[in-house]
Structure formats: structure tokens, C-alpha cells
Amino acid sequence: MAEGLEEPAISGIPGWNYAFFAPLWMSCISPAWLWGGKSAMDSVENFSQKLPTRPEEEELKQIFDKAAGTVYARFAYHRQHRLARELFCFMIDGISSSEGFDALRLLKDDWTDFNEHLAILNDFKLILVFFITGACQ
């Protein structure tokens, strides 16, 4: 405790090398290590999407999701936020190995697949709008 203060005060935090001013979704990563094993080949983001495989793991996930809240869960589990976090990590850390290039290719493929999915949804929404407004008559 610093002299003259009646309440404890934080005077420094070690490990600020990777401190960022970033949107909330950057810090909302699922703690999937609570409900599943992690292999050395799993990236943080790919691993964070793992689902429980046993009833007790499912119970832990439900407890976490309830405690974290809907906003945290949305940012932790939705695909677009996972992809954005992965891209951000590549921007900060760079690529220093062939495994990094492989991971970037996987991210690109996942991003392309996600955008194709969005394009299909957007086409469906457009057709639905035409149908509802009678533009197709």
C-alpha cells in the first residue's frame, strides 16, 4: 500500500506489452479450457469454439454463459467476432513461421466461407423484401 493512502491502490501492472485500446468484442473469448482439452494445434480462437462433450462440461459452460451474460456470449461465440479477433492477432503479432502462413490461409478460407454465407443471406433478404412489398408481381 502506498504511504498516506487508507485504501489499497494499484501502482503498476506488469505485462502491459499487449495492452490495447480495443472494442469490447476483443476481450470476449470463450474459456473453453473449462469444458474441453486443448491440443497444441489449437489456436486460441479455434479452441474457444469447442463445445462440451460430457454432461459436467456442459453444466460448466452453462454456468459460465449465465454469469458472463448475453453480450459477452454473443461476442465470444459469434463467428464474425472470432474472425476479427484472429485477424487482429495476425496484425499485431505478424507471421513468423510456415504454421503462421497456414493459419492465415485457414482464416482466409473461413472468412471467404463466412462472406459467401452472408451473401446467401443477403440474397434471401432481398428476395423476401421483394416478395413482401409486392415488387415481384
C-alpha atoms as a PDB file:
ATOM      1  CA  MET A   1       0.000   0.000   0.000  1.00  0.00           C
ATOM      2  CA  ALA A   2       1.257   3.445  -0.878  1.00  0.00           C
ATOM      3  CA  GLU A   3       2.074   5.734   2.018  1.00  0.00           C
ATOM      4  CA  GLY A   4      -0.677   8.125   3.029  1.00  0.00           C
ATOM      5  CA  LEU A   5      -3.471   6.124   1.396  1.00  0.00           C
ATOM      6  CA  GLU A   6      -6.106   4.494   3.532  1.00  0.00           C
ATOM      7  CA  GLU A   7      -7.357   2.265   0.706  1.00  0.00           C
ATOM      8  CA  PRO A   8      -5.179  -0.099  -1.341  1.00  0.00           C
ATOM      9  CA  ALA A   9      -4.136   1.386  -4.667  1.00  0.00           C
ATOM     10  CA  ILE A  10      -2.782  -0.230  -7.795  1.00  0.00           C
ATOM     11  CA  SER A  11       0.503   1.442  -8.598  1.00  0.00           C
ATOM     12  CA  GLY A  12       1.558  -0.682 -11.560  1.00  0.00           C
ATOM     13  CA  ILE A  13       0.538  -3.665 -13.619  1.00  0.00           C
ATOM     14  CA  PRO A  14       3.226  -5.997 -15.013  1.00  0.00           C
ATOM     15  CA  GLY A  15       2.880  -7.355 -18.517  1.00  0.00           C
ATOM     16  CA  TRP A  16       1.347  -4.406 -20.334  1.00  0.00           C
ATOM     17  CA  ASN A  17       3.227  -5.343 -23.522  1.00  0.00           C
ATOM     18  CA  TYR A  18      -0.011  -6.459 -25.154  1.00  0.00           C
ATOM     19  CA  ALA A  19      -2.436  -3.935 -23.676  1.00  0.00           C
ATOM     20  CA  PHE A  20      -4.736  -2.467 -26.322  1.00  0.00           C
ATOM     21  CA  PHE A  21      -7.489   0.063 -26.516  1.00  0.00           C
ATOM     22  CA  ALA A  22      -9.951  -2.046 -28.488  1.00  0.00           C
ATOM     23  CA  PRO A  23     -13.666  -2.750 -28.821  1.00  0.00           C
ATOM     24  CA  LEU A  24     -15.328  -4.932 -26.188  1.00  0.00           C
ATOM     25  CA  TRP A  25     -15.571  -7.946 -28.513  1.00  0.00           C
ATOM     26  CA  MET A  26     -11.770  -8.210 -28.490  1.00  0.00           C
ATOM     27  CA  SER A  27     -11.761  -9.288 -24.833  1.00  0.00           C
ATOM     28  CA  CYS A  28     -14.702 -11.698 -25.000  1.00  0.00           C
ATOM     29  CA  ILE A  29     -13.094 -15.080 -25.623  1.00  0.00           C
ATOM     30  CA  SER A  30     -14.763 -18.263 -24.501  1.00  0.00           C
ATOM     31  CA  PRO A  31     -12.809 -20.062 -21.721  1.00  0.00           C
ATOM     32  CA  ALA A  32     -13.324 -23.422 -23.418  1.00  0.00           C
ATOM     33  CA  TRP A  33     -10.429 -24.899 -21.433  1.00  0.00           C
ATOM     34  CA  LEU A  34     -13.045 -25.236 -18.668  1.00  0.00           C
ATOM     35  CA  TRP A  35     -15.037 -27.752 -20.705  1.00  0.00           C
ATOM     36  CA  GLY A  36     -12.594 -29.409 -23.050  1.00  0.00           C
ATOM     37  CA  GLY A  37      -8.986 -30.402 -23.530  1.00  0.00           C
ATOM     38  CA  LYS A  38      -6.705 -28.234 -25.629  1.00  0.00           C
ATOM     39  CA  SER A  39      -4.268 -29.665 -28.113  1.00  0.00           C
ATOM     40  CA  ALA A  40      -1.060 -27.944 -29.169  1.00  0.00           C
ATOM     41  CA  MET A  41      -2.513 -27.487 -32.671  1.00  0.00           C
ATOM     42  CA  ASP A  42      -5.493 -25.421 -31.478  1.00  0.00           C
ATOM     43  CA  SER A  43      -5.313 -21.675 -31.896  1.00  0.00           C
ATOM     44  CA  VAL A  44      -6.883 -19.666 -29.091  1.00  0.00           C
ATOM     45  CA  GLU A  45      -9.846 -18.753 -31.275  1.00  0.00           C
ATOM     46  CA  ASN A  46     -10.390 -22.203 -32.794  1.00  0.00           C
ATOM     47  CA  PHE A  47     -10.171 -23.755 -29.360  1.00  0.00           C
ATOM     48  CA  SER A  48     -12.560 -21.193 -27.885  1.00  0.00           C
ATOM     49  CA  GLN A  49     -15.287 -22.550 -30.177  1.00  0.00           C
ATOM     50  CA  LYS A  50     -15.042 -26.114 -28.827  1.00  0.00           C
ATOM     51  CA  LEU A  51     -18.229 -27.477 -27.343  1.00  0.00           C
ATOM     52  CA  PRO A  52     -18.564 -29.577 -24.204  1.00  0.00           C
ATOM     53  CA  THR A  53     -18.614 -33.331 -24.767  1.00  0.00           C
ATOM     54  CA  ARG A  54     -19.697 -34.533 -21.314  1.00  0.00           C
ATOM     55  CA  PRO A  55     -22.671 -33.515 -19.128  1.00  0.00           C
ATOM     56  CA  GLU A  56     -20.475 -31.977 -16.424  1.00  0.00           C
ATOM     57  CA  GLU A  57     -18.650 -29.895 -19.061  1.00  0.00           C
ATOM     58  CA  GLU A  58     -22.000 -28.710 -20.444  1.00  0.00           C
ATOM     59  CA  GLU A  59     -23.005 -27.685 -16.934  1.00  0.00           C
ATOM     60  CA  LEU A  60     -19.784 -25.643 -16.550  1.00  0.00           C
ATOM     61  CA  LYS A  61     -20.421 -23.927 -19.876  1.00  0.00           C
ATOM     62  CA  GLN A  62     -23.984 -23.068 -18.895  1.00  0.00           C
ATOM     63  CA  ILE A  63     -22.808 -21.655 -15.562  1.00  0.00           C
ATOM     64  CA  PHE A  64     -20.164 -19.551 -17.320  1.00  0.00           C
ATOM     65  CA  ASP A  65     -22.567 -18.317 -20.018  1.00  0.00           C
ATOM     66  CA  LYS A  66     -25.163 -17.317 -17.438  1.00  0.00           C
ATOM     67  CA  ALA A  67     -22.583 -15.494 -15.292  1.00  0.00           C
ATOM     68  CA  ALA A  68     -20.954 -13.777 -18.283  1.00  0.00           C
ATOM     69  CA  GLY A  69     -24.239 -12.576 -19.764  1.00  0.00           C
ATOM     70  CA  THR A  70     -25.702 -12.388 -23.235  1.00  0.00           C
ATOM     71  CA  VAL A  71     -23.453  -9.606 -24.542  1.00  0.00           C
ATOM     72  CA  TYR A  72     -20.284 -11.465 -23.584  1.00  0.00           C
ATOM     73  CA  ALA A  73     -21.645 -14.713 -25.027  1.00  0.00           C
ATOM     74  CA  ARG A  74     -22.575 -13.006 -28.302  1.00  0.00           C
ATOM     75  CA  PHE A  75     -19.092 -11.543 -28.663  1.00  0.00           C
ATOM     76  CA  ALA A  76     -17.393 -14.784 -27.565  1.00  0.00           C
ATOM     77  CA  TYR A  77     -19.237 -17.210 -29.825  1.00  0.00           C
ATOM     78  CA  HIS A  78     -20.348 -15.358 -32.967  1.00  0.00           C
ATOM     79  CA  ARG A  79     -18.236 -16.153 -35.965  1.00  0.00           C
ATOM     80  CA  GLN A  80     -17.631 -12.577 -37.118  1.00  0.00           C
ATOM     81  CA  HIS A  81     -16.098 -11.621 -33.770  1.00  0.00           C
ATOM     82  CA  ARG A  82     -13.874 -14.704 -33.718  1.00  0.00           C
ATOM     83  CA  LEU A  83     -12.635 -13.921 -37.230  1.00  0.00           C
ATOM     84  CA  ALA A  84     -11.995 -10.286 -36.328  1.00  0.00           C
ATOM     85  CA  ARG A  85     -10.018 -11.286 -33.213  1.00  0.00           C
ATOM     86  CA  GLU A  86      -7.902 -13.711 -35.238  1.00  0.00           C
ATOM     87  CA  LEU A  87      -7.186 -11.069 -37.869  1.00  0.00           C
ATOM     88  CA  PHE A  88      -6.274  -8.574 -35.154  1.00  0.00           C
ATOM     89  CA  CYS A  89      -3.796 -11.069 -33.665  1.00  0.00           C
ATOM     90  CA  PHE A  90      -2.144 -11.507 -37.065  1.00  0.00           C
ATOM     91  CA  MET A  91      -1.886  -7.730 -37.422  1.00  0.00           C
ATOM     92  CA  ILE A  92      -0.230  -7.361 -34.013  1.00  0.00           C
ATOM     93  CA  ASP A  93       1.983 -10.464 -33.927  1.00  0.00           C
ATOM     94  CA  GLY A  94       2.753 -10.837 -37.618  1.00  0.00           C
ATOM     95  CA  ILE A  95       3.650 -14.167 -39.203  1.00  0.00           C
ATOM     96  CA  SER A  96       6.934 -15.740 -38.222  1.00  0.00           C
ATOM     97  CA  SER A  97       6.616 -19.349 -39.377  1.00  0.00           C
ATOM     98  CA  SER A  98       5.125 -21.610 -42.012  1.00  0.00           C
ATOM     99  CA  GLU A  99       2.475 -22.564 -39.427  1.00  0.00           C
ATOM    100  CA  GLY A 100       1.525 -18.884 -39.284  1.00  0.00           C
ATOM    101  CA  PHE A 101       1.010 -18.827 -43.053  1.00  0.00           C
ATOM    102  CA  ASP A 102      -1.088 -21.993 -42.794  1.00  0.00           C
ATOM    103  CA  ALA A 103      -3.197 -20.426 -40.039  1.00  0.00           C
ATOM    104  CA  LEU A 104      -3.637 -17.277 -42.137  1.00  0.00           C
ATOM    105  CA  ARG A 105      -4.790 -19.388 -45.101  1.00  0.00           C
ATOM    106  CA  LEU A 106      -7.333 -21.116 -42.851  1.00  0.00           C
ATOM    107  CA  LEU A 107      -8.520 -17.713 -41.621  1.00  0.00           C
ATOM    108  CA  LYS A 108      -8.873 -16.513 -45.216  1.00  0.00           C
ATOM    109  CA  ASP A 109     -10.868 -19.632 -46.144  1.00  0.00           C
ATOM    110  CA  ASP A 110     -13.085 -19.227 -43.088  1.00  0.00           C
ATOM    111  CA  TRP A 111     -13.601 -15.543 -43.917  1.00  0.00           C
ATOM    112  CA  THR A 112     -14.481 -16.400 -47.544  1.00  0.00           C
ATOM    113  CA  ASP A 113     -16.941 -19.063 -46.388  1.00  0.00           C
ATOM    114  CA  PHE A 114     -18.482 -16.600 -43.914  1.00  0.00           C
ATOM    115  CA  ASN A 115     -18.877 -13.935 -46.602  1.00  0.00           C
ATOM    116  CA  GLU A 116     -20.462 -16.444 -49.004  1.00  0.00           C
ATOM    117  CA  HIS A 117     -22.900 -17.353 -46.229  1.00  0.00           C
ATOM    118  CA  LEU A 118     -23.668 -13.648 -45.729  1.00  0.00           C
ATOM    119  CA  ALA A 119     -24.163 -13.217 -49.478  1.00  0.00           C
ATOM    120  CA  ILE A 120     -26.709 -16.053 -49.499  1.00  0.00           C
ATOM    121  CA  LEU A 121     -28.496 -14.485 -46.524  1.00  0.00           C
ATOM    122  CA  ASN A 122     -28.454 -11.074 -48.186  1.00  0.00           C
ATOM    123  CA  ASP A 123     -29.865 -12.563 -51.411  1.00  0.00           C
ATOM    124  CA  PHE A 124     -32.593 -14.263 -49.365  1.00  0.00           C
ATOM    125  CA  LYS A 125     -33.399 -10.993 -47.547  1.00  0.00           C
ATOM    126  CA  LEU A 126     -33.599  -9.165 -50.870  1.00  0.00           C
ATOM    127  CA  ILE A 127     -35.958 -11.796 -52.304  1.00  0.00           C
ATOM    128  CA  LEU A 128     -38.029 -11.652 -49.118  1.00  0.00           C
ATOM    129  CA  VAL A 129     -38.277  -7.835 -49.318  1.00  0.00           C
ATOM    130  CA  PHE A 130     -39.366  -8.054 -52.953  1.00  0.00           C
ATOM    131  CA  PHE A 131     -41.929 -10.685 -52.052  1.00  0.00           C
ATOM    132  CA  ILE A 132     -43.334  -8.762 -49.065  1.00  0.00           C
ATOM    133  CA  THR A 133     -43.501  -5.419 -50.869  1.00  0.00           C
ATOM    134  CA  GLY A 134     -45.076  -6.975 -53.936  1.00  0.00           C
ATOM    135  CA  ALA A 135     -42.147  -5.959 -56.129  1.00  0.00           C
ATOM    136  CA  CYS A 136     -42.190  -9.436 -57.683  1.00  0.00           C
ATOM    137  CA  GLN A 137     -45.765  -9.017 -59.023  1.00  0.00           C
END
